[in-house]
Amino acid sequence: MECVFGLVGNGFAVVVADSSAVSSILVHKSKEDKVMILDSHKLMGASGESGDRVQFTEYIQKNVALYQFRNGIPLTTAAAANFTRGELAAALRKSPYHVNILLAGYDKETGPSLYYIDYIAALHKIEKGAFGYGSYFSLAMMDRHFHSNMSVEEAIDLVDKCILEIRTRLVVAPPNFVIKIVDKDGAREYAWRESIKDAGVAPA
């Protein structure tokens, strides 16, 4: 019951993801961070098969870093999105990755941006988007409340509305969510929304 969603506001972009690592009927952990910081001004939120998600996002992260190391300049958000889309497309007919991605970033020239990249390598620039079962509810909430040039406070309030709706309406709702933001000051973790914590190991 994964959920990743994001939106673009006035001078920033937000990416939110659930933090449950699930296999079949088992929950392995409830603090799995599914929003990777690609570089100083880029975020990648991913959903999909756990192995594909971890392997592919780490592969993209290291190649983005390699490009900057070789050339001395970072990839723009659009370039990183197109590189990611190209790698998914190349793998599609060999060993496809079952992973869906929201890539957010901030560039000095163009400001914040958000890209939707699905597992069959479709790429779109968007202002708001979501993946997973929670997308049924988060997209509905964003359609109702989202507007261009939202402030950070308005965006986080909308994020909280989406999380509440997912927890209320989804039959097996993920309990914890991580919120990350990217703006002119860089990409960083903003907050967690937790309803349960991982249990520690019981003493013998």
C-alpha atoms as a PDB file:
ATOM      1  CA  MET A   1       0.000   0.000   0.000  1.00  0.00           C
ATOM      2  CA  GLU A   2       2.735   2.411  -0.998  1.00  0.00           C
ATOM      3  CA  CYS A   3       2.222   6.117  -1.503  1.00  0.00           C
ATOM      4  CA  VAL A   4       4.518   8.795  -2.906  1.00  0.00           C
ATOM      5  CA  PHE A   5       3.271  12.271  -3.748  1.00  0.00           C
ATOM      6  CA  GLY A   6       4.682  15.716  -4.362  1.00  0.00           C
ATOM      7  CA  LEU A   7       3.897  19.270  -5.393  1.00  0.00           C
ATOM      8  CA  VAL A   8       5.569  22.500  -6.484  1.00  0.00           C
ATOM      9  CA  GLY A   9       5.075  25.702  -4.514  1.00  0.00           C
ATOM     10  CA  ASN A  10       6.421  29.246  -4.615  1.00  0.00           C
ATOM     11  CA  GLY A  11      10.181  28.720  -4.789  1.00  0.00           C
ATOM     12  CA  PHE A  12      10.238  25.126  -3.531  1.00  0.00           C
ATOM     13  CA  ALA A  13       9.078  21.568  -4.188  1.00  0.00           C
ATOM     14  CA  VAL A  14       7.929  18.958  -1.662  1.00  0.00           C
ATOM     15  CA  VAL A  15       8.112  15.161  -1.957  1.00  0.00           C
ATOM     16  CA  VAL A  16       6.344  12.902   0.554  1.00  0.00           C
ATOM     17  CA  ALA A  17       6.510   9.121   0.866  1.00  0.00           C
ATOM     18  CA  ASP A  18       5.301   6.442   3.222  1.00  0.00           C
ATOM     19  CA  SER A  19       8.056   4.670   5.132  1.00  0.00           C
ATOM     20  CA  SER A  20       6.766   1.091   5.298  1.00  0.00           C
ATOM     21  CA  ALA A  21       8.869  -1.805   4.009  1.00  0.00           C
ATOM     22  CA  VAL A  22       6.291  -4.482   3.247  1.00  0.00           C
ATOM     23  CA  SER A  23       6.390  -7.959   1.733  1.00  0.00           C
ATOM     24  CA  SER A  24       3.120  -9.799   1.227  1.00  0.00           C
ATOM     25  CA  ILE A  25       1.315  -9.680   4.600  1.00  0.00           C
ATOM     26  CA  LEU A  26       4.467  -8.783   6.561  1.00  0.00           C
ATOM     27  CA  VAL A  27       5.701  -5.348   7.608  1.00  0.00           C
ATOM     28  CA  HIS A  28       9.493  -5.516   7.905  1.00  0.00           C
ATOM     29  CA  LYS A  29      10.051  -1.961   9.106  1.00  0.00           C
ATOM     30  CA  SER A  30       8.146   1.284   9.400  1.00  0.00           C
ATOM     31  CA  LYS A  31      10.981   3.812   8.923  1.00  0.00           C
ATOM     32  CA  GLU A  32      12.222   3.043   5.417  1.00  0.00           C
ATOM     33  CA  ASP A  33      13.198   6.334   3.756  1.00  0.00           C
ATOM     34  CA  LYS A  34      11.899   6.236   0.159  1.00  0.00           C
ATOM     35  CA  VAL A  35      12.865   9.811  -0.710  1.00  0.00           C
ATOM     36  CA  MET A  36      16.517   9.898  -1.738  1.00  0.00           C
ATOM     37  CA  ILE A  37      18.579  13.104  -1.808  1.00  0.00           C
ATOM     38  CA  LEU A  38      20.273  12.853  -5.230  1.00  0.00           C
ATOM     39  CA  ASP A  39      22.511  15.862  -4.761  1.00  0.00           C
ATOM     40  CA  SER A  40      22.453  19.251  -3.050  1.00  0.00           C
ATOM     41  CA  HIS A  41      19.309  20.422  -4.904  1.00  0.00           C
ATOM     42  CA  LYS A  42      17.462  17.275  -6.038  1.00  0.00           C
ATOM     43  CA  LEU A  43      15.087  14.756  -4.442  1.00  0.00           C
ATOM     44  CA  MET A  44      13.869  11.429  -5.797  1.00  0.00           C
ATOM     45  CA  GLY A  45      10.782   9.801  -4.295  1.00  0.00           C
ATOM     46  CA  ALA A  46      10.289   6.230  -5.468  1.00  0.00           C
ATOM     47  CA  SER A  47       7.739   3.460  -5.102  1.00  0.00           C
ATOM     48  CA  GLY A  48       7.779  -0.101  -6.383  1.00  0.00           C
ATOM     49  CA  GLU A  49       9.445  -3.437  -5.677  1.00  0.00           C
ATOM     50  CA  SER A  50      11.883  -2.952  -2.811  1.00  0.00           C
ATOM     51  CA  GLY A  51      14.917  -4.395  -4.587  1.00  0.00           C
ATOM     52  CA  ASP A  52      14.303  -2.465  -7.797  1.00  0.00           C
ATOM     53  CA  ARG A  53      13.596   0.742  -5.883  1.00  0.00           C
ATOM     54  CA  VAL A  54      16.797   0.637  -3.832  1.00  0.00           C
ATOM     55  CA  GLN A  55      19.049  -0.540  -6.667  1.00  0.00           C
ATOM     56  CA  PHE A  56      17.735   1.891  -9.274  1.00  0.00           C
ATOM     57  CA  THR A  57      17.658   4.997  -7.063  1.00  0.00           C
ATOM     58  CA  GLU A  58      21.199   4.329  -5.825  1.00  0.00           C
ATOM     59  CA  TYR A  59      22.326   3.782  -9.433  1.00  0.00           C
ATOM     60  CA  ILE A  60      20.860   7.149 -10.474  1.00  0.00           C
ATOM     61  CA  GLN A  61      22.319   8.894  -7.419  1.00  0.00           C
ATOM     62  CA  LYS A  62      25.844   7.625  -8.132  1.00  0.00           C
ATOM     63  CA  ASN A  63      25.646   8.497 -11.834  1.00  0.00           C
ATOM     64  CA  VAL A  64      24.448  12.032 -11.066  1.00  0.00           C
ATOM     65  CA  ALA A  65      27.432  12.384  -8.699  1.00  0.00           C
ATOM     66  CA  LEU A  66      29.759  10.892 -11.341  1.00  0.00           C
ATOM     67  CA  TYR A  67      28.611  13.435 -13.943  1.00  0.00           C
ATOM     68  CA  GLN A  68      29.321  16.310 -11.569  1.00  0.00           C
ATOM     69  CA  PHE A  69      32.728  14.821 -10.657  1.00  0.00           C
ATOM     70  CA  ARG A  70      33.738  14.423 -14.321  1.00  0.00           C
ATOM     71  CA  ASN A  71      32.405  17.741 -15.615  1.00  0.00           C
ATOM     72  CA  GLY A  72      32.609  20.043 -12.628  1.00  0.00           C
ATOM     73  CA  ILE A  73      28.971  21.132 -12.927  1.00  0.00           C
ATOM     74  CA  PRO A  74      25.809  19.412 -11.665  1.00  0.00           C
ATOM     75  CA  LEU A  75      23.028  18.138 -13.901  1.00  0.00           C
ATOM     76  CA  THR A  76      19.955  20.346 -14.067  1.00  0.00           C
ATOM     77  CA  THR A  77      16.729  18.847 -12.765  1.00  0.00           C
ATOM     78  CA  ALA A  78      15.440  18.423 -16.329  1.00  0.00           C
ATOM     79  CA  ALA A  79      18.674  16.694 -17.381  1.00  0.00           C
ATOM     80  CA  ALA A  80      18.549  14.355 -14.369  1.00  0.00           C
ATOM     81  CA  ALA A  81      14.911  13.517 -15.169  1.00  0.00           C
ATOM     82  CA  ASN A  82      15.750  12.764 -18.808  1.00  0.00           C
ATOM     83  CA  PHE A  83      18.760  10.649 -17.794  1.00  0.00           C
ATOM     84  CA  THR A  84      16.546   8.697 -15.370  1.00  0.00           C
ATOM     85  CA  ARG A  85      13.904   8.219 -18.044  1.00  0.00           C
ATOM     86  CA  GLY A  86      16.568   7.032 -20.508  1.00  0.00           C
ATOM     87  CA  GLU A  87      17.894   4.415 -18.087  1.00  0.00           C
ATOM     88  CA  LEU A  88      14.370   3.102 -17.421  1.00  0.00           C
ATOM     89  CA  ALA A  89      13.696   2.954 -21.163  1.00  0.00           C
ATOM     90  CA  ALA A  90      16.952   1.100 -21.848  1.00  0.00           C
ATOM     91  CA  ALA A  91      16.144  -1.451 -19.135  1.00  0.00           C
ATOM     92  CA  LEU A  92      12.537  -1.862 -20.287  1.00  0.00           C
ATOM     93  CA  ARG A  93      13.364  -4.490 -22.940  1.00  0.00           C
ATOM     94  CA  LYS A  94      16.135  -6.191 -20.982  1.00  0.00           C
ATOM     95  CA  SER A  95      15.414  -6.427 -17.269  1.00  0.00           C
ATOM     96  CA  PRO A  96      12.792  -3.808 -16.421  1.00  0.00           C
ATOM     97  CA  TYR A  97      12.733  -1.981 -13.112  1.00  0.00           C
ATOM     98  CA  HIS A  98       9.321  -1.954 -11.446  1.00  0.00           C
ATOM     99  CA  VAL A  99       9.773   1.502  -9.982  1.00  0.00           C
ATOM    100  CA  ASN A 100       7.808   4.774 -10.245  1.00  0.00           C
ATOM    101  CA  ILE A 101       9.543   8.071  -9.528  1.00  0.00           C
ATOM    102  CA  LEU A 102       8.793  11.668  -8.599  1.00  0.00           C
ATOM    103  CA  LEU A 103      11.940  13.734  -9.140  1.00  0.00           C
ATOM    104  CA  ALA A 104      12.010  17.236  -7.669  1.00  0.00           C
ATOM    105  CA  GLY A 105      14.728  19.825  -7.886  1.00  0.00           C
ATOM    106  CA  TYR A 106      15.646  23.483  -7.777  1.00  0.00           C
ATOM    107  CA  ASP A 107      17.715  25.288 -10.428  1.00  0.00           C
ATOM    108  CA  LYS A 108      18.921  28.888 -10.201  1.00  0.00           C
ATOM    109  CA  GLU A 109      17.708  29.681 -13.720  1.00  0.00           C
ATOM    110  CA  THR A 110      14.300  27.957 -13.706  1.00  0.00           C
ATOM    111  CA  GLY A 111      13.400  27.583 -10.029  1.00  0.00           C
ATOM    112  CA  PRO A 112      11.638  24.509  -8.613  1.00  0.00           C
ATOM    113  CA  SER A 113      10.329  21.680 -10.791  1.00  0.00           C
ATOM    114  CA  LEU A 114       8.761  18.245 -10.417  1.00  0.00           C
ATOM    115  CA  TYR A 115       8.929  15.339 -12.862  1.00  0.00           C
ATOM    116  CA  TYR A 116       6.752  12.222 -13.073  1.00  0.00           C
ATOM    117  CA  ILE A 117       8.532   9.119 -14.364  1.00  0.00           C
ATOM    118  CA  ASP A 118       6.699   5.786 -14.346  1.00  0.00           C
ATOM    119  CA  TYR A 119       7.972   2.218 -14.736  1.00  0.00           C
ATOM    120  CA  ILE A 120       7.437   2.196 -18.512  1.00  0.00           C
ATOM    121  CA  ALA A 121       9.624   5.326 -18.861  1.00  0.00           C
ATOM    122  CA  ALA A 122       6.916   7.931 -19.438  1.00  0.00           C
ATOM    123  CA  LEU A 123       8.195  11.370 -18.423  1.00  0.00           C
ATOM    124  CA  HIS A 124       6.090  14.447 -17.653  1.00  0.00           C
ATOM    125  CA  LYS A 125       6.798  17.756 -15.977  1.00  0.00           C
ATOM    126  CA  ILE A 126       4.008  18.386 -13.473  1.00  0.00           C
ATOM    127  CA  GLU A 127       2.971  20.674 -10.622  1.00  0.00           C
ATOM    128  CA  LYS A 128       1.502  17.889  -8.486  1.00  0.00           C
ATOM    129  CA  GLY A 129       1.534  14.115  -8.717  1.00  0.00           C
ATOM    130  CA  ALA A 130       1.319  10.818  -6.866  1.00  0.00           C
ATOM    131  CA  PHE A 131       1.957   7.085  -7.154  1.00  0.00           C
ATOM    132  CA  GLY A 132       0.583   4.089  -5.280  1.00  0.00           C
ATOM    133  CA  TYR A 133      -2.766   3.233  -3.729  1.00  0.00           C
ATOM    134  CA  GLY A 134      -2.638   6.427  -1.691  1.00  0.00           C
ATOM    135  CA  SER A 135      -2.636   8.419  -4.939  1.00  0.00           C
ATOM    136  CA  TYR A 136      -6.415   7.905  -5.255  1.00  0.00           C
ATOM    137  CA  PHE A 137      -6.892  10.090  -2.193  1.00  0.00           C
ATOM    138  CA  SER A 138      -3.875  12.411  -2.346  1.00  0.00           C
ATOM    139  CA  LEU A 139      -4.600  13.386  -5.960  1.00  0.00           C
ATOM    140  CA  ALA A 140      -8.229  14.110  -5.064  1.00  0.00           C
ATOM    141  CA  MET A 141      -7.148  16.322  -2.155  1.00  0.00           C
ATOM    142  CA  MET A 142      -4.584  18.138  -4.297  1.00  0.00           C
ATOM    143  CA  ASP A 143      -7.119  18.674  -7.095  1.00  0.00           C
ATOM    144  CA  ARG A 144      -9.364  20.369  -4.553  1.00  0.00           C
ATOM    145  CA  HIS A 145      -6.856  22.404  -2.520  1.00  0.00           C
ATOM    146  CA  PHE A 146      -3.736  22.903  -4.661  1.00  0.00           C
ATOM    147  CA  HIS A 147      -3.046  26.252  -6.303  1.00  0.00           C
ATOM    148  CA  SER A 148       0.028  27.754  -7.926  1.00  0.00           C
ATOM    149  CA  ASN A 149       2.510  29.696  -5.795  1.00  0.00           C
ATOM    150  CA  MET A 150       1.588  28.016  -2.516  1.00  0.00           C
ATOM    151  CA  SER A 151       3.650  29.003   0.521  1.00  0.00           C
ATOM    152  CA  VAL A 152       5.553  26.362   2.491  1.00  0.00           C
ATOM    153  CA  GLU A 153       2.954  26.547   5.276  1.00  0.00           C
ATOM    154  CA  GLU A 154       0.078  26.033   2.803  1.00  0.00           C
ATOM    155  CA  ALA A 155       1.886  23.146   1.126  1.00  0.00           C
ATOM    156  CA  ILE A 156       2.602  21.342   4.414  1.00  0.00           C
ATOM    157  CA  ASP A 157      -1.025  21.866   5.473  1.00  0.00           C
ATOM    158  CA  LEU A 158      -2.110  20.234   2.191  1.00  0.00           C
ATOM    159  CA  VAL A 159       0.387  17.397   2.748  1.00  0.00           C
ATOM    160  CA  ASP A 160      -1.130  16.801   6.198  1.00  0.00           C
ATOM    161  CA  LYS A 161      -4.617  16.745   4.659  1.00  0.00           C
ATOM    162  CA  CYS A 162      -3.457  14.122   2.149  1.00  0.00           C
ATOM    163  CA  ILE A 163      -1.846  11.981   4.859  1.00  0.00           C
ATOM    164  CA  LEU A 164      -4.979  12.168   7.038  1.00  0.00           C
ATOM    165  CA  GLU A 165      -7.165  11.186   4.083  1.00  0.00           C
ATOM    166  CA  ILE A 166      -4.915   8.216   3.244  1.00  0.00           C
ATOM    167  CA  ARG A 167      -4.910   7.032   6.860  1.00  0.00           C
ATOM    168  CA  THR A 168      -8.689   7.422   7.066  1.00  0.00           C
ATOM    169  CA  ARG A 169      -9.752   5.927   3.745  1.00  0.00           C
ATOM    170  CA  LEU A 170      -7.162   3.303   2.781  1.00  0.00           C
ATOM    171  CA  VAL A 171      -7.959  -0.123   4.209  1.00  0.00           C
ATOM    172  CA  VAL A 172      -4.310  -0.935   4.982  1.00  0.00           C
ATOM    173  CA  ALA A 173      -2.828   2.526   5.357  1.00  0.00           C
ATOM    174  CA  PRO A 174       0.898   3.136   5.927  1.00  0.00           C
ATOM    175  CA  PRO A 175       1.361   4.642   9.393  1.00  0.00           C
ATOM    176  CA  ASN A 176       4.442   6.824   8.858  1.00  0.00           C
ATOM    177  CA  PHE A 177       5.429   9.375   6.238  1.00  0.00           C
ATOM    178  CA  VAL A 178       8.598  11.350   5.548  1.00  0.00           C
ATOM    179  CA  ILE A 179       8.414  14.888   4.115  1.00  0.00           C
ATOM    180  CA  LYS A 180      11.363  16.399   2.243  1.00  0.00           C
ATOM    181  CA  ILE A 181      11.702  19.806   0.626  1.00  0.00           C
ATOM    182  CA  VAL A 182      14.021  21.361  -1.954  1.00  0.00           C
ATOM    183  CA  ASP A 183      14.476  25.091  -2.505  1.00  0.00           C
ATOM    184  CA  LYS A 184      17.252  27.623  -3.095  1.00  0.00           C
ATOM    185  CA  ASP A 185      18.850  26.529   0.199  1.00  0.00           C
ATOM    186  CA  GLY A 186      19.094  22.886  -0.912  1.00  0.00           C
ATOM    187  CA  ALA A 187      17.377  19.527  -0.452  1.00  0.00           C
ATOM    188  CA  ARG A 188      16.654  18.423   3.095  1.00  0.00           C
ATOM    189  CA  GLU A 189      14.371  16.464   5.365  1.00  0.00           C
ATOM    190  CA  TYR A 190      11.524  18.660   6.604  1.00  0.00           C
ATOM    191  CA  ALA A 191       9.516  16.445   8.973  1.00  0.00           C
ATOM    192  CA  TRP A 192       8.143  13.006   9.765  1.00  0.00           C
ATOM    193  CA  ARG A 193       4.491  12.185  10.364  1.00  0.00           C
ATOM    194  CA  GLU A 194       4.471   9.100  12.585  1.00  0.00           C
ATOM    195  CA  SER A 195       1.675   7.119  14.168  1.00  0.00           C
ATOM    196  CA  ILE A 196       3.824   4.110  15.159  1.00  0.00           C
ATOM    197  CA  LYS A 197       7.523   3.567  15.786  1.00  0.00           C
ATOM    198  CA  ASP A 198       9.685   0.525  15.124  1.00  0.00           C
ATOM    199  CA  ALA A 199       9.710  -1.693  18.192  1.00  0.00           C
ATOM    200  CA  GLY A 200      13.087  -2.273  19.793  1.00  0.00           C
ATOM    201  CA  VAL A 201      14.467  -5.725  20.466  1.00  0.00           C
ATOM    202  CA  ALA A 202      12.975  -7.092  23.674  1.00  0.00           C
ATOM    203  CA  PRO A 203      15.546  -7.864  26.374  1.00  0.00           C
ATOM    204  CA  ALA A 204      16.257 -11.559  26.914  1.00  0.00           C
END
